[in-house]
Amino acid sequence: MTLPTFNPPTEPTIGLENKPEIKLLKADFGDGYTQSSPDGLNHIRKVINLTWDVLYQDDCAEILNFFNERAGYLPFYYQLPDETQPTKYTCEEWSDKYIQADYRSVAATFRQSFTLEI
């Protein structure tokens, strides 16, 4: 089964944050000396925080439904505006906020997925 691509109804708000997670194996020795090495082949994981500041109810529901369907552990593809190819992610954390009568905002954290599924 092919993984779905997340195509939100509108682009995320400008200012998305990319904060990679880096997994290292470290050994601390005396006199402040440390030795580090990567923990696995994919020791640098892209983590991006996206927000949609003002969404209509229907657009918000479309985004939230996609996240709920993926249930926090099923991967999907998403292409950042400045990238040429999509990257595989999971989304374990998201929230929505009521702004006023017909408007809401959504925030989500995407973590790069290294699963073998394509």
C-alpha atoms as a PDB file:
ATOM      1  CA  MET A   1       0.000   0.000   0.000  1.00  0.00           C
ATOM      2  CA  THR A   2       1.340   3.410  -0.992  1.00  0.00           C
ATOM      3  CA  LEU A   3       1.740   6.038   1.710  1.00  0.00           C
ATOM      4  CA  PRO A   4      -0.516   9.090   1.404  1.00  0.00           C
ATOM      5  CA  THR A   5       0.824  12.582   0.836  1.00  0.00           C
ATOM      6  CA  PHE A   6      -0.340  15.315   3.181  1.00  0.00           C
ATOM      7  CA  ASN A   7      -1.648  18.188   1.046  1.00  0.00           C
ATOM      8  CA  PRO A   8      -3.225  20.702   3.411  1.00  0.00           C
ATOM      9  CA  PRO A   9      -5.928  22.973   1.969  1.00  0.00           C
ATOM     10  CA  THR A  10      -3.657  25.956   2.600  1.00  0.00           C
ATOM     11  CA  GLU A  11       0.087  26.445   3.112  1.00  0.00           C
ATOM     12  CA  PRO A  12       1.319  26.661   6.709  1.00  0.00           C
ATOM     13  CA  THR A  13       1.961  30.076   8.186  1.00  0.00           C
ATOM     14  CA  ILE A  14       5.352  31.551   7.359  1.00  0.00           C
ATOM     15  CA  GLY A  15       7.967  30.840  10.020  1.00  0.00           C
ATOM     16  CA  LEU A  16       7.954  27.057  10.359  1.00  0.00           C
ATOM     17  CA  GLU A  17      10.653  25.764  12.683  1.00  0.00           C
ATOM     18  CA  ASN A  18      13.123  22.994  11.805  1.00  0.00           C
ATOM     19  CA  LYS A  19      14.822  21.597  14.918  1.00  0.00           C
ATOM     20  CA  PRO A  20      16.619  18.302  14.206  1.00  0.00           C
ATOM     21  CA  GLU A  21      16.890  15.530  16.800  1.00  0.00           C
ATOM     22  CA  ILE A  22      20.401  14.122  16.963  1.00  0.00           C
ATOM     23  CA  LYS A  23      21.037  10.715  18.558  1.00  0.00           C
ATOM     24  CA  LEU A  24      24.594  10.187  19.775  1.00  0.00           C
ATOM     25  CA  LEU A  25      26.371   7.613  21.862  1.00  0.00           C
ATOM     26  CA  LYS A  26      28.575   9.434  24.384  1.00  0.00           C
ATOM     27  CA  ALA A  27      31.230   8.323  26.785  1.00  0.00           C
ATOM     28  CA  ASP A  28      32.392  10.811  29.441  1.00  0.00           C
ATOM     29  CA  PHE A  29      35.922  10.415  30.750  1.00  0.00           C
ATOM     30  CA  GLY A  30      37.893  12.273  33.382  1.00  0.00           C
ATOM     31  CA  ASP A  31      39.161  15.840  32.955  1.00  0.00           C
ATOM     32  CA  GLY A  32      36.137  16.808  30.828  1.00  0.00           C
ATOM     33  CA  TYR A  33      37.084  14.566  27.892  1.00  0.00           C
ATOM     34  CA  THR A  34      34.139  13.100  25.961  1.00  0.00           C
ATOM     35  CA  GLN A  35      33.958  10.761  23.028  1.00  0.00           C
ATOM     36  CA  SER A  36      30.876  10.729  20.777  1.00  0.00           C
ATOM     37  CA  SER A  37      29.683   8.721  17.812  1.00  0.00           C
ATOM     38  CA  PRO A  38      26.411   8.541  15.847  1.00  0.00           C
ATOM     39  CA  ASP A  39      23.737   6.213  17.223  1.00  0.00           C
ATOM     40  CA  GLY A  40      22.691   4.344  14.075  1.00  0.00           C
ATOM     41  CA  LEU A  41      22.635   5.118  10.377  1.00  0.00           C
ATOM     42  CA  ASN A  42      19.912   7.766  10.625  1.00  0.00           C
ATOM     43  CA  HIS A  43      21.092   9.596  13.705  1.00  0.00           C
ATOM     44  CA  ILE A  44      19.853  13.012  12.501  1.00  0.00           C
ATOM     45  CA  ARG A  45      16.048  13.226  12.296  1.00  0.00           C
ATOM     46  CA  LYS A  46      14.328  16.255  10.809  1.00  0.00           C
ATOM     47  CA  VAL A  47      11.678  17.669  13.177  1.00  0.00           C
ATOM     48  CA  ILE A  48       9.511  20.508  11.938  1.00  0.00           C
ATOM     49  CA  ASN A  49       6.882  22.558  13.737  1.00  0.00           C
ATOM     50  CA  LEU A  50       4.129  23.893  11.502  1.00  0.00           C
ATOM     51  CA  THR A  51       1.232  26.204  12.262  1.00  0.00           C
ATOM     52  CA  TRP A  52      -1.806  27.333  10.366  1.00  0.00           C
ATOM     53  CA  ASP A  53      -2.797  30.555  12.149  1.00  0.00           C
ATOM     54  CA  VAL A  54      -6.201  31.254  10.580  1.00  0.00           C
ATOM     55  CA  LEU A  55      -8.276  28.447   9.092  1.00  0.00           C
ATOM     56  CA  TYR A  56     -11.895  28.107   8.150  1.00  0.00           C
ATOM     57  CA  GLN A  57     -13.711  25.327  10.037  1.00  0.00           C
ATOM     58  CA  ASP A  58     -13.724  23.005   6.990  1.00  0.00           C
ATOM     59  CA  ASP A  59      -9.989  23.447   6.325  1.00  0.00           C
ATOM     60  CA  CYS A  60      -9.232  22.809   9.993  1.00  0.00           C
ATOM     61  CA  ALA A  61     -11.362  19.662   9.958  1.00  0.00           C
ATOM     62  CA  GLU A  62      -9.555  18.382   6.843  1.00  0.00           C
ATOM     63  CA  ILE A  63      -6.138  18.784   8.492  1.00  0.00           C
ATOM     64  CA  LEU A  64      -7.255  17.260  11.803  1.00  0.00           C
ATOM     65  CA  ASN A  65      -8.954  14.335  10.061  1.00  0.00           C
ATOM     66  CA  PHE A  66      -5.715  13.519   8.243  1.00  0.00           C
ATOM     67  CA  PHE A  67      -3.753  13.539  11.526  1.00  0.00           C
ATOM     68  CA  ASN A  68      -6.390  11.395  13.246  1.00  0.00           C
ATOM     69  CA  GLU A  69      -6.388   8.883  10.377  1.00  0.00           C
ATOM     70  CA  ARG A  70      -2.586   8.552  10.638  1.00  0.00           C
ATOM     71  CA  ALA A  71      -3.024   8.033  14.414  1.00  0.00           C
ATOM     72  CA  GLY A  72       0.393   9.380  15.360  1.00  0.00           C
ATOM     73  CA  TYR A  73       2.363   6.375  14.107  1.00  0.00           C
ATOM     74  CA  LEU A  74       1.466   5.825  10.450  1.00  0.00           C
ATOM     75  CA  PRO A  75       3.896   7.619   8.120  1.00  0.00           C
ATOM     76  CA  PHE A  76       2.971   9.976   5.291  1.00  0.00           C
ATOM     77  CA  TYR A  77       4.772  12.163   2.797  1.00  0.00           C
ATOM     78  CA  TYR A  78       4.952  15.938   3.028  1.00  0.00           C
ATOM     79  CA  GLN A  79       6.918  18.379   0.911  1.00  0.00           C
ATOM     80  CA  LEU A  80       8.104  21.594   2.498  1.00  0.00           C
ATOM     81  CA  PRO A  81       7.631  24.686   0.322  1.00  0.00           C
ATOM     82  CA  ASP A  82      11.387  25.065  -0.359  1.00  0.00           C
ATOM     83  CA  GLU A  83      12.169  21.369  -0.990  1.00  0.00           C
ATOM     84  CA  THR A  84      12.178  19.542  -4.326  1.00  0.00           C
ATOM     85  CA  GLN A  85      11.073  16.133  -3.001  1.00  0.00           C
ATOM     86  CA  PRO A  86       8.686  15.032  -0.246  1.00  0.00           C
ATOM     87  CA  THR A  87      10.013  13.577   3.012  1.00  0.00           C
ATOM     88  CA  LYS A  88       8.407  10.799   5.042  1.00  0.00           C
ATOM     89  CA  TYR A  89       7.057  11.940   8.439  1.00  0.00           C
ATOM     90  CA  THR A  90       4.846  10.930  11.325  1.00  0.00           C
ATOM     91  CA  CYS A  91       2.817  13.378  13.410  1.00  0.00           C
ATOM     92  CA  GLU A  92       2.418  12.422  17.075  1.00  0.00           C
ATOM     93  CA  GLU A  93       1.576  15.897  18.344  1.00  0.00           C
ATOM     94  CA  TRP A  94      -0.997  18.376  17.122  1.00  0.00           C
ATOM     95  CA  SER A  95      -3.447  20.833  18.592  1.00  0.00           C
ATOM     96  CA  ASP A  96      -6.217  23.105  17.417  1.00  0.00           C
ATOM     97  CA  LYS A  97      -7.449  26.326  18.909  1.00  0.00           C
ATOM     98  CA  TYR A  98     -10.696  28.204  18.481  1.00  0.00           C
ATOM     99  CA  ILE A  99      -9.980  31.790  17.467  1.00  0.00           C
ATOM    100  CA  GLN A 100     -13.507  33.088  16.949  1.00  0.00           C
ATOM    101  CA  ALA A 101     -16.837  31.949  15.520  1.00  0.00           C
ATOM    102  CA  ASP A 102     -15.709  30.473  12.181  1.00  0.00           C
ATOM    103  CA  TYR A 103     -11.930  30.452  12.542  1.00  0.00           C
ATOM    104  CA  ARG A 104      -9.420  28.092  14.138  1.00  0.00           C
ATOM    105  CA  SER A 105      -5.686  27.537  14.205  1.00  0.00           C
ATOM    106  CA  VAL A 106      -3.704  24.282  14.110  1.00  0.00           C
ATOM    107  CA  ALA A 107      -0.173  23.478  15.285  1.00  0.00           C
ATOM    108  CA  ALA A 108       1.629  20.215  14.522  1.00  0.00           C
ATOM    109  CA  THR A 109       5.048  18.613  14.934  1.00  0.00           C
ATOM    110  CA  PHE A 110       6.300  16.363  12.137  1.00  0.00           C
ATOM    111  CA  ARG A 111       9.146  13.912  12.819  1.00  0.00           C
ATOM    112  CA  GLN A 112      11.015  12.355   9.933  1.00  0.00           C
ATOM    113  CA  SER A 113      10.233   8.650   9.604  1.00  0.00           C
ATOM    114  CA  PHE A 114      12.850   6.118   8.565  1.00  0.00           C
ATOM    115  CA  THR A 115      10.444   3.181   8.159  1.00  0.00           C
ATOM    116  CA  LEU A 116      10.809   0.950   5.125  1.00  0.00           C
ATOM    117  CA  GLU A 117       7.238   1.635   3.989  1.00  0.00           C
ATOM    118  CA  ILE A 118       6.978   3.575   0.720  1.00  0.00           C
END
